[in-house]
PDB file of N, CA and C in Angstrom:
ATOM      1  N   MET A   1      37.588 -29.369  44.641  1.00  0.00           N
ATOM      2  CA  MET A   1      37.347 -28.455  45.724  1.00  0.00           C
ATOM      3  C   MET A   1      36.809 -27.156  45.122  1.00  0.00           C
ATOM      4  N   ASN A   2      35.839 -26.580  45.780  1.00  0.00           N
ATOM      5  CA  ASN A   2      35.255 -25.322  45.326  1.00  0.00           C
ATOM      6  C   ASN A   2      36.010 -24.141  45.916  1.00  0.00           C
ATOM      7  N   ALA A   3      36.217 -23.161  45.075  1.00  0.00           N
ATOM      8  CA  ALA A   3      36.853 -21.930  45.545  1.00  0.00           C
ATOM      9  C   ALA A   3      35.839 -21.143  46.359  1.00  0.00           C
ATOM     10  N   PRO A   4      36.299 -20.435  47.369  1.00  0.00           N
ATOM     11  CA  PRO A   4      35.355 -19.636  48.178  1.00  0.00           C
ATOM     12  C   PRO A   4      34.732 -18.530  47.331  1.00  0.00           C
ATOM     13  N   PHE A   5      33.485 -18.232  47.636  1.00  0.00           N
ATOM     14  CA  PHE A   5      32.769 -17.164  46.936  1.00  0.00           C
ATOM     15  C   PHE A   5      33.331 -15.824  47.379  1.00  0.00           C
ATOM     16  N   LYS A   6      33.623 -14.995  46.418  1.00  0.00           N
ATOM     17  CA  LYS A   6      34.138 -13.663  46.731  1.00  0.00           C
ATOM     18  C   LYS A   6      33.085 -12.635  46.385  1.00  0.00           C
ATOM     19  N   THR A   7      32.915 -11.689  47.260  1.00  0.00           N
ATOM     20  CA  THR A   7      31.971 -10.608  46.977  1.00  0.00           C
ATOM     21  C   THR A   7      32.557  -9.717  45.893  1.00  0.00           C
ATOM     22  N   PRO A   8      31.701  -9.066  45.113  1.00  0.00           N
ATOM     23  CA  PRO A   8      32.205  -8.207  44.041  1.00  0.00           C
ATOM     24  C   PRO A   8      33.104  -7.102  44.576  1.00  0.00           C
ATOM     25  N   ASN A   9      34.133  -6.831  43.836  1.00  0.00           N
ATOM     26  CA  ASN A   9      35.077  -5.786  44.186  1.00  0.00           C
ATOM     27  C   ASN A   9      34.455  -4.434  43.822  1.00  0.00           C
ATOM     28  N   ALA A  10      34.443  -3.531  44.761  1.00  0.00           N
ATOM     29  CA  ALA A  10      33.852  -2.211  44.518  1.00  0.00           C
ATOM     30  C   ALA A  10      34.601  -1.466  43.420  1.00  0.00           C
ATOM     31  N   ASP A  11      35.845  -1.827  43.196  1.00  0.00           N
ATOM     32  CA  ASP A  11      36.641  -1.165  42.163  1.00  0.00           C
ATOM     33  C   ASP A  11      36.529  -1.841  40.800  1.00  0.00           C
ATOM     34  N   ALA A  12      35.782  -2.935  40.731  1.00  0.00           N
ATOM     35  CA  ALA A  12      35.646  -3.656  39.463  1.00  0.00           C
ATOM     36  C   ALA A  12      34.911  -2.781  38.447  1.00  0.00           C
ATOM     37  N   PRO A  13      35.303  -2.865  37.187  1.00  0.00           N
ATOM     38  CA  PRO A  13      34.630  -2.048  36.169  1.00  0.00           C
ATOM     39  C   PRO A  13      33.191  -2.520  35.949  1.00  0.00           C
ATOM     40  N   LEU A  14      32.344  -1.596  35.591  1.00  0.00           N
ATOM     41  CA  LEU A  14      30.957  -1.915  35.257  1.00  0.00           C
ATOM     42  C   LEU A  14      30.774  -1.724  33.760  1.00  0.00           C
ATOM     43  N   TRP A  15      29.826  -2.451  33.202  1.00  0.00           N
ATOM     44  CA  TRP A  15      29.501  -2.292  31.787  1.00  0.00           C
ATOM     45  C   TRP A  15      28.971  -0.894  31.533  1.00  0.00           C
ATOM     46  N   ASP A  16      29.474  -0.256  30.507  1.00  0.00           N
ATOM     47  CA  ASP A  16      28.896   1.010  30.044  1.00  0.00           C
ATOM     48  C   ASP A  16      27.941   0.641  28.913  1.00  0.00           C
ATOM     49  N   LEU A  17      26.663   0.614  29.212  1.00  0.00           N
ATOM     50  CA  LEU A  17      25.650   0.146  28.268  1.00  0.00           C
ATOM     51  C   LEU A  17      24.928   1.284  27.561  1.00  0.00           C
ATOM     52  N   THR A  18      25.420   2.489  27.734  1.00  0.00           N
ATOM     53  CA  THR A  18      24.708   3.643  27.165  1.00  0.00           C
ATOM     54  C   THR A  18      24.722   3.651  25.646  1.00  0.00           C
ATOM     55  N   ASP A  19      25.604   2.866  25.017  1.00  0.00           N
ATOM     56  CA  ASP A  19      25.548   2.747  23.556  1.00  0.00           C
ATOM     57  C   ASP A  19      24.278   2.029  23.119  1.00  0.00           C
ATOM     58  N   LEU A  20      23.727   1.213  24.013  1.00  0.00           N
ATOM     59  CA  LEU A  20      22.487   0.491  23.697  1.00  0.00           C
ATOM     60  C   LEU A  20      21.264   1.299  24.147  1.00  0.00           C
ATOM     61  N   TYR A  21      21.173   1.550  25.442  1.00  0.00           N
ATOM     62  CA  TYR A  21      20.055   2.311  26.011  1.00  0.00           C
ATOM     63  C   TYR A  21      20.578   3.108  27.197  1.00  0.00           C
ATOM     64  N   ALA A  22      19.941   4.239  27.465  1.00  0.00           N
ATOM     65  CA  ALA A  22      20.391   5.116  28.548  1.00  0.00           C
ATOM     66  C   ALA A  22      20.157   4.499  29.927  1.00  0.00           C
ATOM     67  N   SER A  23      19.050   3.761  30.055  1.00  0.00           N
ATOM     68  CA  SER A  23      18.704   3.126  31.319  1.00  0.00           C
ATOM     69  C   SER A  23      17.586   2.121  31.051  1.00  0.00           C
ATOM     70  N   ARG A  24      17.192   1.401  32.091  1.00  0.00           N
ATOM     71  CA  ARG A  24      16.070   0.461  31.949  1.00  0.00           C
ATOM     72  C   ARG A  24      14.779   1.202  31.639  1.00  0.00           C
ATOM     73  N   ASP A  25      14.708   2.478  31.998  1.00  0.00           N
ATOM     74  CA  ASP A  25      13.505   3.279  31.758  1.00  0.00           C
ATOM     75  C   ASP A  25      13.536   4.022  30.437  1.00  0.00           C
ATOM     76  N   ASP A  26      14.581   3.839  29.659  1.00  0.00           N
ATOM     77  CA  ASP A  26      14.722   4.514  28.368  1.00  0.00           C
ATOM     78  C   ASP A  26      13.515   4.187  27.487  1.00  0.00           C
ATOM     79  N   ALA A  27      12.871   5.204  26.956  1.00  0.00           N
ATOM     80  CA  ALA A  27      11.693   5.010  26.102  1.00  0.00           C
ATOM     81  C   ALA A  27      12.025   4.210  24.846  1.00  0.00           C
ATOM     82  N   ARG A  28      13.298   4.194  24.470  1.00  0.00           N
ATOM     83  CA  ARG A  28      13.697   3.428  23.280  1.00  0.00           C
ATOM     84  C   ARG A  28      13.562   1.922  23.485  1.00  0.00           C
ATOM     85  N   VAL A  29      13.563   1.450  24.734  1.00  0.00           N
ATOM     86  CA  VAL A  29      13.366   0.019  24.987  1.00  0.00           C
ATOM     87  C   VAL A  29      11.982  -0.383  24.489  1.00  0.00           C
ATOM     88  N   ALA A  30      10.956   0.326  24.931  1.00  0.00           N
ATOM     89  CA  ALA A  30       9.588   0.017  24.489  1.00  0.00           C
ATOM     90  C   ALA A  30       9.437   0.243  22.989  1.00  0.00           C
ATOM     91  N   ALA A  31      10.051   1.306  22.483  1.00  0.00           N
ATOM     92  CA  ALA A  31       9.967   1.595  21.048  1.00  0.00           C
ATOM     93  C   ALA A  31      10.621   0.484  20.242  1.00  0.00           C
ATOM     94  N   ASP A  32      11.758  -0.028  20.706  1.00  0.00           N
ATOM     95  CA  ASP A  32      12.432  -1.101  19.982  1.00  0.00           C
ATOM     96  C   ASP A  32      11.668  -2.417  20.066  1.00  0.00           C
ATOM     97  N   LEU A  33      10.994  -2.656  21.178  1.00  0.00           N
ATOM     98  CA  LEU A  33      10.144  -3.845  21.258  1.00  0.00           C
ATOM     99  C   LEU A  33       9.034  -3.770  20.211  1.00  0.00           C
ATOM    100  N   GLU A  34       8.431  -2.611  20.068  1.00  0.00           N
ATOM    101  CA  GLU A  34       7.382  -2.434  19.055  1.00  0.00           C
ATOM    102  C   GLU A  34       7.960  -2.506  17.645  1.00  0.00           C
ATOM    103  N   LYS A  35       9.134  -1.928  17.460  1.00  0.00           N
ATOM    104  CA  LYS A  35       9.788  -1.994  16.151  1.00  0.00           C
ATOM    105  C   LYS A  35      10.058  -3.454  15.781  1.00  0.00           C
ATOM    106  N   ALA A  36      10.581  -4.220  16.724  1.00  0.00           N
ATOM    107  CA  ALA A  36      10.861  -5.638  16.475  1.00  0.00           C
ATOM    108  C   ALA A  36       9.583  -6.395  16.162  1.00  0.00           C
ATOM    109  N   ARG A  37       8.504  -6.083  16.883  1.00  0.00           N
ATOM    110  CA  ARG A  37       7.215  -6.737  16.623  1.00  0.00           C
ATOM    111  C   ARG A  37       6.771  -6.467  15.187  1.00  0.00           C
ATOM    112  N   GLY A  38       6.914  -5.249  14.728  1.00  0.00           N
ATOM    113  CA  GLY A  38       6.541  -4.902  13.358  1.00  0.00           C
ATOM    114  C   GLY A  38       7.403  -5.616  12.329  1.00  0.00           C
ATOM    115  N   LEU A  39       8.703  -5.697  12.593  1.00  0.00           N
ATOM    116  CA  LEU A  39       9.612  -6.389  11.674  1.00  0.00           C
ATOM    117  C   LEU A  39       9.283  -7.874  11.585  1.00  0.00           C
ATOM    118  N   VAL A  40       9.045  -8.490  12.737  1.00  0.00           N
ATOM    119  CA  VAL A  40       8.714  -9.917  12.747  1.00  0.00           C
ATOM    120  C   VAL A  40       7.349 -10.155  12.102  1.00  0.00           C
ATOM    121  N   ASP A  41       6.400  -9.261  12.349  1.00  0.00           N
ATOM    122  CA  ASP A  41       5.093  -9.387  11.690  1.00  0.00           C
ATOM    123  C   ASP A  41       5.249  -9.301  10.171  1.00  0.00           C
ATOM    124  N   GLY A  42       6.101  -8.399   9.715  1.00  0.00           N
ATOM    125  CA  GLY A  42       6.370  -8.285   8.280  1.00  0.00           C
ATOM    126  C   GLY A  42       6.991  -9.550   7.727  1.00  0.00           C
ATOM    127  N   LEU A  43       7.896 -10.140   8.468  1.00  0.00           N
ATOM    128  CA  LEU A  43       8.527 -11.388   8.053  1.00  0.00           C
ATOM    129  C   LEU A  43       7.497 -12.520   8.036  1.00  0.00           C
ATOM    130  N   ASN A  44       6.664 -12.587   9.065  1.00  0.00           N
ATOM    131  CA  ASN A  44       5.623 -13.623   9.116  1.00  0.00           C
ATOM    132  C   ASN A  44       4.631 -13.484   7.964  1.00  0.00           C
ATOM    133  N   ALA A  45       4.399 -12.256   7.520  1.00  0.00           N
ATOM    134  CA  ALA A  45       3.461 -12.034   6.422  1.00  0.00           C
ATOM    135  C   ALA A  45       3.976 -12.627   5.108  1.00  0.00           C
ATOM    136  N   LEU A  46       5.268 -12.875   5.029  1.00  0.00           N
ATOM    137  CA  LEU A  46       5.848 -13.463   3.820  1.00  0.00           C
ATOM    138  C   LEU A  46       5.734 -14.985   3.796  1.00  0.00           C
ATOM    139  N   GLN A  47       5.260 -15.563   4.896  1.00  0.00           N
ATOM    140  CA  GLN A  47       5.168 -17.020   4.986  1.00  0.00           C
ATOM    141  C   GLN A  47       4.322 -17.578   3.837  1.00  0.00           C
ATOM    142  N   GLY A  48       4.862 -18.535   3.149  1.00  0.00           N
ATOM    143  CA  GLY A  48       4.175 -19.169   2.036  1.00  0.00           C
ATOM    144  C   GLY A  48       4.372 -18.480   0.704  1.00  0.00           C
ATOM    145  N   ARG A  49       4.718 -17.211   0.730  1.00  0.00           N
ATOM    146  CA  ARG A  49       4.872 -16.471  -0.518  1.00  0.00           C
ATOM    147  C   ARG A  49       6.142 -16.854  -1.261  1.00  0.00           C
ATOM    148  N   LEU A  50       7.198 -17.187  -0.540  1.00  0.00           N
ATOM    149  CA  LEU A  50       8.454 -17.541  -1.192  1.00  0.00           C
ATOM    150  C   LEU A  50       8.311 -18.832  -2.001  1.00  0.00           C
ATOM    151  N   ALA A  51       7.723 -19.835  -1.378  1.00  0.00           N
ATOM    152  CA  ALA A  51       7.561 -21.120  -2.061  1.00  0.00           C
ATOM    153  C   ALA A  51       6.573 -21.019  -3.213  1.00  0.00           C
ATOM    154  N   ALA A  52       5.621 -20.127  -3.124  1.00  0.00           N
ATOM    155  CA  ALA A  52       4.587 -20.013  -4.151  1.00  0.00           C
ATOM    156  C   ALA A  52       5.011 -19.156  -5.335  1.00  0.00           C
ATOM    157  N   GLU A  53       6.039 -18.337  -5.143  1.00  0.00           N
ATOM    158  CA  GLU A  53       6.428 -17.403  -6.210  1.00  0.00           C
ATOM    159  C   GLU A  53       7.088 -18.157  -7.362  1.00  0.00           C
ATOM    160  N   GLN A  54       6.570 -17.964  -8.574  1.00  0.00           N
ATOM    161  CA  GLN A  54       7.081 -18.646  -9.760  1.00  0.00           C
ATOM    162  C   GLN A  54       8.064 -17.784 -10.557  1.00  0.00           C
ATOM    163  N   ASP A  55       7.947 -16.481 -10.445  1.00  0.00           N
ATOM    164  CA  ASP A  55       8.791 -15.567 -11.209  1.00  0.00           C
ATOM    165  C   ASP A  55      10.108 -15.342 -10.459  1.00  0.00           C
ATOM    166  N   ALA A  56      11.225 -15.598 -11.133  1.00  0.00           N
ATOM    167  CA  ALA A  56      12.539 -15.502 -10.490  1.00  0.00           C
ATOM    168  C   ALA A  56      12.826 -14.095  -9.981  1.00  0.00           C
ATOM    169  N   ALA A  57      12.494 -13.083 -10.750  1.00  0.00           N
ATOM    170  CA  ALA A  57      12.765 -11.706 -10.325  1.00  0.00           C
ATOM    171  C   ALA A  57      11.929 -11.346  -9.102  1.00  0.00           C
ATOM    172  N   ALA A  58      10.678 -11.736  -9.122  1.00  0.00           N
ATOM    173  CA  ALA A  58       9.797 -11.454  -7.979  1.00  0.00           C
ATOM    174  C   ALA A  58      10.256 -12.233  -6.747  1.00  0.00           C
ATOM    175  N   LEU A  59      10.723 -13.457  -6.959  1.00  0.00           N
ATOM    176  CA  LEU A  59      11.243 -14.256  -5.847  1.00  0.00           C
ATOM    177  C   LEU A  59      12.477 -13.579  -5.252  1.00  0.00           C
ATOM    178  N   GLY A  60      13.336 -13.031  -6.097  1.00  0.00           N
ATOM    179  CA  GLY A  60      14.512 -12.312  -5.614  1.00  0.00           C
ATOM    180  C   GLY A  60      14.138 -11.127  -4.743  1.00  0.00           C
ATOM    181  N   VAL A  61      13.107 -10.399  -5.165  1.00  0.00           N
ATOM    182  CA  VAL A  61      12.633  -9.254  -4.379  1.00  0.00           C
ATOM    183  C   VAL A  61      12.113  -9.724  -3.027  1.00  0.00           C
ATOM    184  N   LEU A  62      11.335 -10.814  -3.033  1.00  0.00           N
ATOM    185  CA  LEU A  62      10.794 -11.344  -1.777  1.00  0.00           C
ATOM    186  C   LEU A  62      11.909 -11.848  -0.861  1.00  0.00           C
ATOM    187  N   LEU A  63      12.894 -12.528  -1.437  1.00  0.00           N
ATOM    188  CA  LEU A  63      14.021 -13.007  -0.632  1.00  0.00           C
ATOM    189  C   LEU A  63      14.793 -11.846  -0.017  1.00  0.00           C
ATOM    190  N   ASP A  64      15.021 -10.815  -0.813  1.00  0.00           N
ATOM    191  CA  ASP A  64      15.716  -9.629  -0.316  1.00  0.00           C
ATOM    192  C   ASP A  64      14.931  -8.999   0.833  1.00  0.00           C
ATOM    193  N   GLN A  65      13.628  -8.910   0.670  1.00  0.00           N
ATOM    194  CA  GLN A  65      12.774  -8.345   1.711  1.00  0.00           C
ATOM    195  C   GLN A  65      12.827  -9.210   2.973  1.00  0.00           C
ATOM    196  N   ALA A  66      12.719 -10.526   2.814  1.00  0.00           N
ATOM    197  CA  ALA A  66      12.733 -11.433   3.962  1.00  0.00           C
ATOM    198  C   ALA A  66      14.058 -11.361   4.709  1.00  0.00           C
ATOM    199  N   ILE A  67      15.162 -11.364   3.966  1.00  0.00           N
ATOM    200  CA  ILE A  67      16.481 -11.307   4.603  1.00  0.00           C
ATOM    201  C   ILE A  67      16.670  -9.975   5.318  1.00  0.00           C
ATOM    202  N   GLY A  68      16.244  -8.903   4.700  1.00  0.00           N
ATOM    203  CA  GLY A  68      16.352  -7.589   5.335  1.00  0.00           C
ATOM    204  C   GLY A  68      15.552  -7.505   6.629  1.00  0.00           C
ATOM    205  N   LEU A  69      14.324  -8.002   6.605  1.00  0.00           N
ATOM    206  CA  LEU A  69      13.496  -8.000   7.811  1.00  0.00           C
ATOM    207  C   LEU A  69      14.118  -8.860   8.904  1.00  0.00           C
ATOM    208  N   TYR A  70      14.626 -10.028   8.507  1.00  0.00           N
ATOM    209  CA  TYR A  70      15.262 -10.925   9.477  1.00  0.00           C
ATOM    210  C   TYR A  70      16.483 -10.262  10.120  1.00  0.00           C
ATOM    211  N   GLU A  71      17.333  -9.653   9.301  1.00  0.00           N
ATOM    212  CA  GLU A  71      18.532  -8.990   9.829  1.00  0.00           C
ATOM    213  C   GLU A  71      18.166  -7.856  10.778  1.00  0.00           C
ATOM    214  N   GLN A  72      17.205  -7.040  10.384  1.00  0.00           N
ATOM    215  CA  GLN A  72      16.810  -5.910  11.232  1.00  0.00           C
ATOM    216  C   GLN A  72      16.213  -6.404  12.548  1.00  0.00           C
ATOM    217  N   ALA A  73      15.323  -7.397  12.476  1.00  0.00           N
ATOM    218  CA  ALA A  73      14.700  -7.931  13.691  1.00  0.00           C
ATOM    219  C   ALA A  73      15.761  -8.543  14.599  1.00  0.00           C
ATOM    220  N   SER A  74      16.710  -9.279  14.020  1.00  0.00           N
ATOM    221  CA  SER A  74      17.781  -9.893  14.816  1.00  0.00           C
ATOM    222  C   SER A  74      18.625  -8.832  15.515  1.00  0.00           C
ATOM    223  N   ASP A  75      18.929  -7.748  14.816  1.00  0.00           N
ATOM    224  CA  ASP A  75      19.716  -6.668  15.418  1.00  0.00           C
ATOM    225  C   ASP A  75      18.987  -6.035  16.593  1.00  0.00           C
ATOM    226  N   VAL A  76      17.711  -5.723  16.398  1.00  0.00           N
ATOM    227  CA  VAL A  76      16.939  -5.053  17.453  1.00  0.00           C
ATOM    228  C   VAL A  76      16.740  -5.987  18.645  1.00  0.00           C
ATOM    229  N   LEU A  77      16.326  -7.217  18.374  1.00  0.00           N
ATOM    230  CA  LEU A  77      16.103  -8.164  19.467  1.00  0.00           C
ATOM    231  C   LEU A  77      17.418  -8.519  20.170  1.00  0.00           C
ATOM    232  N   GLY A  78      18.494  -8.600  19.413  1.00  0.00           N
ATOM    233  CA  GLY A  78      19.797  -8.877  20.018  1.00  0.00           C
ATOM    234  C   GLY A  78      20.244  -7.766  20.942  1.00  0.00           C
ATOM    235  N   ALA A  79      20.042  -6.526  20.525  1.00  0.00           N
ATOM    236  CA  ALA A  79      20.413  -5.386  21.365  1.00  0.00           C
ATOM    237  C   ALA A  79      19.579  -5.366  22.640  1.00  0.00           C
ATOM    238  N   LEU A  80      18.293  -5.624  22.505  1.00  0.00           N
ATOM    239  CA  LEU A  80      17.421  -5.651  23.688  1.00  0.00           C
ATOM    240  C   LEU A  80      17.848  -6.751  24.657  1.00  0.00           C
ATOM    241  N   GLY A  81      18.082  -7.944  24.127  1.00  0.00           N
ATOM    242  CA  GLY A  81      18.494  -9.064  24.970  1.00  0.00           C
ATOM    243  C   GLY A  81      19.838  -8.827  25.631  1.00  0.00           C
ATOM    244  N   ALA A  82      20.788  -8.297  24.865  1.00  0.00           N
ATOM    245  CA  ALA A  82      22.110  -8.017  25.420  1.00  0.00           C
ATOM    246  C   ALA A  82      22.021  -6.975  26.524  1.00  0.00           C
ATOM    247  N   TYR A  83      21.255  -5.916  26.275  1.00  0.00           N
ATOM    248  CA  TYR A  83      21.136  -4.870  27.288  1.00  0.00           C
ATOM    249  C   TYR A  83      20.495  -5.428  28.560  1.00  0.00           C
ATOM    250  N   ALA A  84      19.421  -6.187  28.412  1.00  0.00           N
ATOM    251  CA  ALA A  84      18.737  -6.736  29.583  1.00  0.00           C
ATOM    252  C   ALA A  84      19.665  -7.643  30.375  1.00  0.00           C
ATOM    253  N   PHE A  85      20.378  -8.519  29.685  1.00  0.00           N
ATOM    254  CA  PHE A  85      21.288  -9.441  30.362  1.00  0.00           C
ATOM    255  C   PHE A  85      22.436  -8.709  31.035  1.00  0.00           C
ATOM    256  N   LEU A  86      23.093  -7.824  30.294  1.00  0.00           N
ATOM    257  CA  LEU A  86      24.262  -7.150  30.853  1.00  0.00           C
ATOM    258  C   LEU A  86      23.895  -6.203  31.989  1.00  0.00           C
ATOM    259  N   SER A  87      22.760  -5.523  31.863  1.00  0.00           N
ATOM    260  CA  SER A  87      22.370  -4.619  32.952  1.00  0.00           C
ATOM    261  C   SER A  87      22.014  -5.409  34.209  1.00  0.00           C
ATOM    262  N   ALA A  88      21.405  -6.578  34.032  1.00  0.00           N
ATOM    263  CA  ALA A  88      21.080  -7.408  35.190  1.00  0.00           C
ATOM    264  C   ALA A  88      22.329  -8.062  35.770  1.00  0.00           C
ATOM    265  N   SER A  89      23.290  -8.411  34.917  1.00  0.00           N
ATOM    266  CA  SER A  89      24.488  -9.087  35.414  1.00  0.00           C
ATOM    267  C   SER A  89      25.370  -8.169  36.244  1.00  0.00           C
ATOM    268  N   THR A  90      25.239  -6.871  36.061  1.00  0.00           N
ATOM    269  CA  THR A  90      26.016  -5.937  36.872  1.00  0.00           C
ATOM    270  C   THR A  90      25.304  -5.580  38.172  1.00  0.00           C
ATOM    271  N   ALA A  91      24.083  -6.071  38.326  1.00  0.00           N
ATOM    272  CA  ALA A  91      23.305  -5.743  39.528  1.00  0.00           C
ATOM    273  C   ALA A  91      22.539  -6.977  40.007  1.00  0.00           C
ATOM    274  N   ARG A  92      23.268  -8.060  40.297  1.00  0.00           N
ATOM    275  CA  ARG A  92      22.623  -9.309  40.692  1.00  0.00           C
ATOM    276  C   ARG A  92      21.847  -9.196  42.002  1.00  0.00           C
ATOM    277  N   ASP A  93      22.124  -8.195  42.791  1.00  0.00           N
ATOM    278  CA  ASP A  93      21.396  -8.017  44.050  1.00  0.00           C
ATOM    279  C   ASP A  93      20.219  -7.053  43.899  1.00  0.00           C
ATOM    280  N   ASP A  94      19.962  -6.598  42.690  1.00  0.00           N
ATOM    281  CA  ASP A  94      18.883  -5.644  42.420  1.00  0.00           C
ATOM    282  C   ASP A  94      17.697  -6.378  41.800  1.00  0.00           C
ATOM    283  N   ALA A  95      16.634  -6.547  42.582  1.00  0.00           N
ATOM    284  CA  ALA A  95      15.454  -7.276  42.111  1.00  0.00           C
ATOM    285  C   ALA A  95      14.826  -6.605  40.894  1.00  0.00           C
ATOM    286  N   ALA A  96      14.869  -5.288  40.824  1.00  0.00           N
ATOM    287  CA  ALA A  96      14.295  -4.574  39.685  1.00  0.00           C
ATOM    288  C   ALA A  96      15.062  -4.896  38.405  1.00  0.00           C
ATOM    289  N   ALA A  97      16.371  -4.999  38.512  1.00  0.00           N
ATOM    290  CA  ALA A  97      17.192  -5.347  37.342  1.00  0.00           C
ATOM    291  C   ALA A  97      16.886  -6.761  36.884  1.00  0.00           C
ATOM    292  N   GLN A  98      16.728  -7.671  37.831  1.00  0.00           N
ATOM    293  CA  GLN A  98      16.396  -9.052  37.480  1.00  0.00           C
ATOM    294  C   GLN A  98      15.001  -9.138  36.856  1.00  0.00           C
ATOM    295  N   GLY A  99      14.073  -8.369  37.406  1.00  0.00           N
ATOM    296  CA  GLY A  99      12.721  -8.333  36.853  1.00  0.00           C
ATOM    297  C   GLY A  99      12.702  -7.746  35.454  1.00  0.00           C
ATOM    298  N   PHE A 100      13.508  -6.720  35.225  1.00  0.00           N
ATOM    299  CA  PHE A 100      13.610  -6.116  33.893  1.00  0.00           C
ATOM    300  C   PHE A 100      14.107  -7.142  32.887  1.00  0.00           C
ATOM    301  N   GLU A 101      15.158  -7.870  33.254  1.00  0.00           N
ATOM    302  CA  GLU A 101      15.696  -8.884  32.344  1.00  0.00           C
ATOM    303  C   GLU A 101      14.640  -9.936  32.032  1.00  0.00           C
ATOM    304  N   ALA A 102      13.950 -10.418  33.039  1.00  0.00           N
ATOM    305  CA  ALA A 102      12.918 -11.431  32.822  1.00  0.00           C
ATOM    306  C   ALA A 102      11.797 -10.899  31.938  1.00  0.00           C
ATOM    307  N   ASP A 103      11.395  -9.669  32.173  1.00  0.00           N
ATOM    308  CA  ASP A 103      10.324  -9.053  31.385  1.00  0.00           C
ATOM    309  C   ASP A 103      10.735  -8.900  29.918  1.00  0.00           C
ATOM    310  N   VAL A 104      11.942  -8.410  29.688  1.00  0.00           N
ATOM    311  CA  VAL A 104      12.419  -8.236  28.309  1.00  0.00           C
ATOM    312  C   VAL A 104      12.540  -9.585  27.622  1.00  0.00           C
ATOM    313  N   ARG A 105      13.081 -10.580  28.300  1.00  0.00           N
ATOM    314  CA  ARG A 105      13.211 -11.913  27.698  1.00  0.00           C
ATOM    315  C   ARG A 105      11.838 -12.489  27.348  1.00  0.00           C
ATOM    316  N   GLU A 106      10.871 -12.304  28.222  1.00  0.00           N
ATOM    317  CA  GLU A 106       9.514 -12.789  27.958  1.00  0.00           C
ATOM    318  C   GLU A 106       8.928 -12.099  26.726  1.00  0.00           C
ATOM    319  N   LYS A 107       9.121 -10.797  26.622  1.00  0.00           N
ATOM    320  CA  LYS A 107       8.604 -10.045  25.474  1.00  0.00           C
ATOM    321  C   LYS A 107       9.310 -10.434  24.185  1.00  0.00           C
ATOM    322  N   ILE A 108      10.622 -10.648  24.254  1.00  0.00           N
ATOM    323  CA  ILE A 108      11.370 -11.087  23.076  1.00  0.00           C
ATOM    324  C   ILE A 108      10.860 -12.446  22.607  1.00  0.00           C
ATOM    325  N   THR A 109      10.637 -13.347  23.549  1.00  0.00           N
ATOM    326  CA  THR A 109      10.128 -14.673  23.201  1.00  0.00           C
ATOM    327  C   THR A 109       8.763 -14.577  22.542  1.00  0.00           C
ATOM    328  N   ALA A 110       7.892 -13.738  23.088  1.00  0.00           N
ATOM    329  CA  ALA A 110       6.559 -13.576  22.509  1.00  0.00           C
ATOM    330  C   ALA A 110       6.632 -13.003  21.098  1.00  0.00           C
ATOM    331  N   ILE A 111       7.530 -12.062  20.871  1.00  0.00           N
ATOM    332  CA  ILE A 111       7.679 -11.465  19.540  1.00  0.00           C
ATOM    333  C   ILE A 111       8.241 -12.475  18.551  1.00  0.00           C
ATOM    334  N   ALA A 112       9.233 -13.235  18.970  1.00  0.00           N
ATOM    335  CA  ALA A 112       9.937 -14.140  18.071  1.00  0.00           C
ATOM    336  C   ALA A 112       9.247 -15.473  17.843  1.00  0.00           C
ATOM    337  N   THR A 113       8.225 -15.787  18.642  1.00  0.00           N
ATOM    338  CA  THR A 113       7.524 -17.052  18.491  1.00  0.00           C
ATOM    339  C   THR A 113       6.514 -16.950  17.360  1.00  0.00           C
ATOM    340  N   PRO A 114       6.624 -17.826  16.375  1.00  0.00           N
ATOM    341  CA  PRO A 114       5.680 -17.741  15.251  1.00  0.00           C
ATOM    342  C   PRO A 114       4.245 -17.977  15.721  1.00  0.00           C
ATOM    343  N   PRO A 115       3.300 -17.306  15.079  1.00  0.00           N
ATOM    344  CA  PRO A 115       1.901 -17.509  15.456  1.00  0.00           C
ATOM    345  C   PRO A 115       1.476 -18.944  15.133  1.00  0.00           C
ATOM    346  N   SER A 116       0.628 -19.486  15.970  1.00  0.00           N
ATOM    347  CA  SER A 116       0.137 -20.843  15.708  1.00  0.00           C
ATOM    348  C   SER A 116      -1.070 -20.773  14.777  1.00  0.00           C
ATOM    349  N   GLY A 117      -1.227 -21.842  14.049  1.00  0.00           N
ATOM    350  CA  GLY A 117      -2.417 -21.936  13.182  1.00  0.00           C
ATOM    351  C   GLY A 117      -2.172 -21.536  11.850  1.00  0.00           C
TER     352      GLY A 117
END
């Protein structure tokens, strides 16, 4: 048996997302999307270099660089995705919030998808 749907309680707590971004219009959202694009581009530029590197010390430097770029990109993209999801989940009746989440997810996917060819 399904439980009846209950409307949200007006007294229910809302997510305080200001640690991530001030609002959906925060300029840091666009800046972080560009930052993530640069980090992922840097990581993609290392493609093939790790396997081709013969010098152990140089390989260590490349691995350190690749891991650092991956960690930074994951942090930025994770924060963007979390903010988009959580801000939309607190406003399921707000079409703008839903559109923001969809837009951010689409941009994250485009950034994180490796180039073809």
